Amino acid sequence: MPDPRPSPADERAAYRAWLRANHPDLGGDPEAFRAGLETWRGRRRPAVWAHTEIVAVRRRGGPVALIGRWRARRLRARRLR
């Protein structure tokens, strides 16, 4: 039996089409846009948080750990350039 829910790509396409049609900067009504945006966000939130597991990660402490985190952040910044 096929899944009755649309795929994430179809949902994203429908959301973007709705945004283009209703955005206040493009001539849409601001109040209707705000209400519709809350509806879209309300649909998405339960799916996003339903299967999320919270995990605590313990970091090393001290100056060695600080230097390690600084180096990792610096390397990430270099990759983004």
N, C-alpha and C. Protein backbone atom coordinates (compact mmCIF):
# COMPACT_ATOMS: atom_id res chain seq x y z
N MET A 1 0.84 -1.18 0.00
CA MET A 1 0.00 0.00 0.00
C MET A 1 0.89 1.24 0.00
N PRO A 2 0.70 2.15 -0.92
CA PRO A 2 1.55 3.35 -0.98
C PRO A 2 1.28 4.27 0.20
N ASP A 3 2.30 5.01 0.55
CA ASP A 3 2.21 5.97 1.66
C ASP A 3 1.36 7.15 1.21
N PRO A 4 0.29 7.51 1.98
CA PRO A 4 -0.60 8.61 1.55
C PRO A 4 0.02 10.00 1.74
N ARG A 5 1.09 10.09 2.53
CA ARG A 5 1.72 11.39 2.75
C ARG A 5 2.60 11.77 1.56
N PRO A 6 2.67 13.06 1.23
CA PRO A 6 3.57 13.49 0.14
C PRO A 6 5.03 13.38 0.59
N SER A 7 5.91 13.27 -0.36
CA SER A 7 7.33 13.19 -0.05
C SER A 7 7.82 14.55 0.47
N PRO A 8 8.95 14.56 1.19
CA PRO A 8 9.49 15.85 1.67
C PRO A 8 9.76 16.83 0.53
N ALA A 9 10.20 16.33 -0.61
CA ALA A 9 10.46 17.22 -1.75
C ALA A 9 9.16 17.85 -2.25
N ASP A 10 8.08 17.06 -2.28
CA ASP A 10 6.79 17.60 -2.72
C ASP A 10 6.26 18.63 -1.72
N GLU A 11 6.44 18.35 -0.42
CA GLU A 11 6.00 19.30 0.60
C GLU A 11 6.78 20.61 0.49
N ARG A 12 8.10 20.49 0.28
CA ARG A 12 8.94 21.68 0.15
C ARG A 12 8.53 22.50 -1.07
N ALA A 13 8.23 21.82 -2.17
CA ALA A 13 7.81 22.52 -3.39
C ALA A 13 6.46 23.22 -3.17
N ALA A 14 5.55 22.56 -2.49
CA ALA A 14 4.25 23.18 -2.21
C ALA A 14 4.41 24.39 -1.29
N TYR A 15 5.28 24.27 -0.29
CA TYR A 15 5.53 25.37 0.63
C TYR A 15 6.13 26.57 -0.11
N ARG A 16 7.10 26.32 -0.96
CA ARG A 16 7.72 27.42 -1.71
C ARG A 16 6.74 28.09 -2.66
N ALA A 17 5.88 27.28 -3.29
CA ALA A 17 4.87 27.84 -4.19
C ALA A 17 3.88 28.70 -3.40
N TRP A 18 3.50 28.23 -2.21
CA TRP A 18 2.61 29.01 -1.36
C TRP A 18 3.27 30.32 -0.94
N LEU A 19 4.57 30.27 -0.59
CA LEU A 19 5.29 31.48 -0.21
C LEU A 19 5.31 32.50 -1.34
N ARG A 20 5.61 32.03 -2.55
CA ARG A 20 5.65 32.95 -3.69
C ARG A 20 4.29 33.59 -3.95
N ALA A 21 3.23 32.84 -3.75
CA ALA A 21 1.89 33.35 -4.03
C ALA A 21 1.37 34.28 -2.94
N ASN A 22 1.82 34.11 -1.69
CA ASN A 22 1.21 34.84 -0.58
C ASN A 22 2.14 35.80 0.17
N HIS A 23 3.38 35.90 -0.19
CA HIS A 23 4.32 36.74 0.56
C HIS A 23 3.93 38.22 0.44
N PRO A 24 3.93 38.94 1.57
CA PRO A 24 3.55 40.36 1.54
C PRO A 24 4.44 41.23 0.65
N ASP A 25 5.70 40.89 0.52
CA ASP A 25 6.59 41.67 -0.35
C ASP A 25 6.23 41.51 -1.82
N LEU A 26 5.47 40.47 -2.13
CA LEU A 26 5.07 40.24 -3.51
C LEU A 26 3.60 40.52 -3.74
N GLY A 27 2.99 41.28 -2.82
CA GLY A 27 1.60 41.70 -3.01
C GLY A 27 0.58 40.90 -2.23
N GLY A 28 1.00 39.98 -1.36
CA GLY A 28 0.05 39.20 -0.57
C GLY A 28 -0.40 39.95 0.68
N ASP A 29 -1.45 39.45 1.29
CA ASP A 29 -1.99 40.05 2.52
C ASP A 29 -1.14 39.62 3.72
N PRO A 30 -0.60 40.57 4.51
CA PRO A 30 0.26 40.22 5.63
C PRO A 30 -0.41 39.35 6.69
N GLU A 31 -1.68 39.62 7.00
CA GLU A 31 -2.38 38.84 8.03
C GLU A 31 -2.62 37.40 7.55
N ALA A 32 -3.02 37.26 6.31
CA ALA A 32 -3.25 35.92 5.76
C ALA A 32 -1.93 35.16 5.69
N PHE A 33 -0.87 35.86 5.35
CA PHE A 33 0.44 35.22 5.28
C PHE A 33 0.87 34.73 6.66
N ARG A 34 0.69 35.56 7.68
CA ARG A 34 1.07 35.18 9.03
C ARG A 34 0.28 33.95 9.49
N ALA A 35 -1.02 33.94 9.23
CA ALA A 35 -1.86 32.81 9.63
C ALA A 35 -1.46 31.54 8.87
N GLY A 36 -1.21 31.68 7.59
CA GLY A 36 -0.79 30.52 6.79
C GLY A 36 0.56 30.00 7.21
N LEU A 37 1.46 30.89 7.56
CA LEU A 37 2.79 30.48 8.00
C LEU A 37 2.71 29.68 9.29
N GLU A 38 1.87 30.09 10.22
CA GLU A 38 1.68 29.33 11.45
C GLU A 38 1.11 27.95 11.16
N THR A 39 0.22 27.86 10.18
CA THR A 39 -0.33 26.56 9.79
C THR A 39 0.76 25.65 9.24
N TRP A 40 1.59 26.17 8.35
CA TRP A 40 2.68 25.38 7.79
C TRP A 40 3.66 24.94 8.87
N ARG A 41 4.00 25.86 9.77
CA ARG A 41 4.93 25.52 10.84
C ARG A 41 4.32 24.51 11.80
N GLY A 42 3.04 24.61 12.06
CA GLY A 42 2.36 23.65 12.92
C GLY A 42 2.37 22.26 12.33
N ARG A 43 2.28 22.15 11.03
CA ARG A 43 2.34 20.83 10.37
C ARG A 43 3.73 20.23 10.51
N ARG A 44 4.73 21.08 10.45
CA ARG A 44 6.10 20.59 10.40
C ARG A 44 6.66 20.23 11.78
N ARG A 45 6.33 20.99 12.80
CA ARG A 45 6.93 20.80 14.11
C ARG A 45 6.79 19.39 14.68
N PRO A 46 5.60 18.80 14.68
CA PRO A 46 5.51 17.47 15.28
C PRO A 46 6.40 16.46 14.57
N ALA A 47 6.49 16.54 13.25
CA ALA A 47 7.32 15.59 12.52
C ALA A 47 8.80 15.79 12.83
N VAL A 48 9.20 17.02 13.03
CA VAL A 48 10.61 17.30 13.30
C VAL A 48 11.00 16.81 14.68
N TRP A 49 10.15 17.04 15.68
CA TRP A 49 10.52 16.74 17.05
C TRP A 49 10.05 15.36 17.53
N ALA A 50 9.24 14.67 16.77
CA ALA A 50 8.66 13.41 17.25
C ALA A 50 9.72 12.35 17.51
N HIS A 51 10.70 12.22 16.64
CA HIS A 51 11.67 11.14 16.76
C HIS A 51 13.06 11.64 17.15
N THR A 52 13.12 12.83 17.70
CA THR A 52 14.40 13.40 18.08
C THR A 52 14.79 12.94 19.47
N GLU A 53 15.99 12.40 19.57
CA GLU A 53 16.49 11.96 20.85
C GLU A 53 17.52 12.98 21.34
N ILE A 54 17.44 13.36 22.59
CA ILE A 54 18.38 14.31 23.15
C ILE A 54 19.54 13.55 23.74
N VAL A 55 20.75 13.91 23.32
CA VAL A 55 21.95 13.23 23.76
C VAL A 55 22.88 14.24 24.40
N ALA A 56 23.38 13.93 25.58
CA ALA A 56 24.35 14.80 26.25
C ALA A 56 25.75 14.33 25.88
N VAL A 57 26.59 15.27 25.49
CA VAL A 57 27.95 14.96 25.10
C VAL A 57 28.88 15.68 26.06
N ARG A 58 29.80 14.94 26.63
CA ARG A 58 30.74 15.55 27.56
C ARG A 58 32.03 15.88 26.83
N ARG A 59 32.43 17.13 26.96
CA ARG A 59 33.66 17.57 26.32
C ARG A 59 34.82 17.48 27.30
N ARG A 60 36.00 17.32 26.74
CA ARG A 60 37.19 17.39 27.58
C ARG A 60 37.34 18.81 28.10
N GLY A 61 37.93 18.95 29.25
CA GLY A 61 38.12 20.27 29.82
C GLY A 61 39.58 20.68 29.75
N GLY A 62 39.84 21.88 30.17
CA GLY A 62 41.20 22.36 30.25
C GLY A 62 41.67 23.08 29.01
N PRO A 63 42.93 23.56 29.07
CA PRO A 63 43.47 24.34 27.96
C PRO A 63 43.66 23.53 26.69
N VAL A 64 43.97 22.26 26.81
CA VAL A 64 44.16 21.43 25.60
C VAL A 64 42.86 21.34 24.82
N ALA A 65 41.74 21.17 25.53
CA ALA A 65 40.44 21.09 24.87
C ALA A 65 40.07 22.42 24.21
N LEU A 66 40.37 23.52 24.88
CA LEU A 66 40.08 24.83 24.30
C LEU A 66 40.84 25.04 22.99
N ILE A 67 42.08 24.66 22.99
CA ILE A 67 42.90 24.80 21.77
C ILE A 67 42.36 23.90 20.67
N GLY A 68 41.94 22.69 21.03
CA GLY A 68 41.38 21.77 20.04
C GLY A 68 40.10 22.30 19.42
N ARG A 69 39.21 22.86 20.25
CA ARG A 69 37.97 23.42 19.72
C ARG A 69 38.25 24.65 18.86
N TRP A 70 39.22 25.46 19.25
CA TRP A 70 39.59 26.63 18.45
C TRP A 70 40.12 26.20 17.08
N ARG A 71 40.99 25.19 17.08
CA ARG A 71 41.54 24.71 15.79
C ARG A 71 40.45 24.13 14.90
N ALA A 72 39.52 23.37 15.48
CA ALA A 72 38.43 22.79 14.68
C ALA A 72 37.56 23.90 14.07
N ARG A 73 37.25 24.92 14.86
CA ARG A 73 36.44 26.04 14.36
C ARG A 73 37.18 26.76 13.24
N ARG A 74 38.47 26.94 13.39
CA ARG A 74 39.28 27.62 12.38
C ARG A 74 39.32 26.83 11.07
N LEU A 75 39.45 25.50 11.19
CA LEU A 75 39.45 24.66 9.98
C LEU A 75 38.10 24.71 9.27
N ARG A 76 36.99 24.70 10.03
CA ARG A 76 35.67 24.81 9.41
C ARG A 76 35.53 26.13 8.68
N ALA A 77 36.03 27.21 9.26
CA ALA A 77 35.94 28.53 8.63
C ALA A 77 36.75 28.55 7.33
N ARG A 78 37.87 27.89 7.32
CA ARG A 78 38.69 27.85 6.10
C ARG A 78 37.99 27.09 4.99
N ARG A 79 37.26 26.02 5.34
CA ARG A 79 36.57 25.24 4.33
C ARG A 79 35.41 26.00 3.70
N LEU A 80 34.83 26.92 4.46
CA LEU A 80 33.69 27.68 3.96
C LEU A 80 34.09 28.78 2.98
N ARG A 81 35.34 29.17 2.99
CA ARG A 81 35.76 30.25 2.09
C ARG A 81 35.79 29.84 0.67
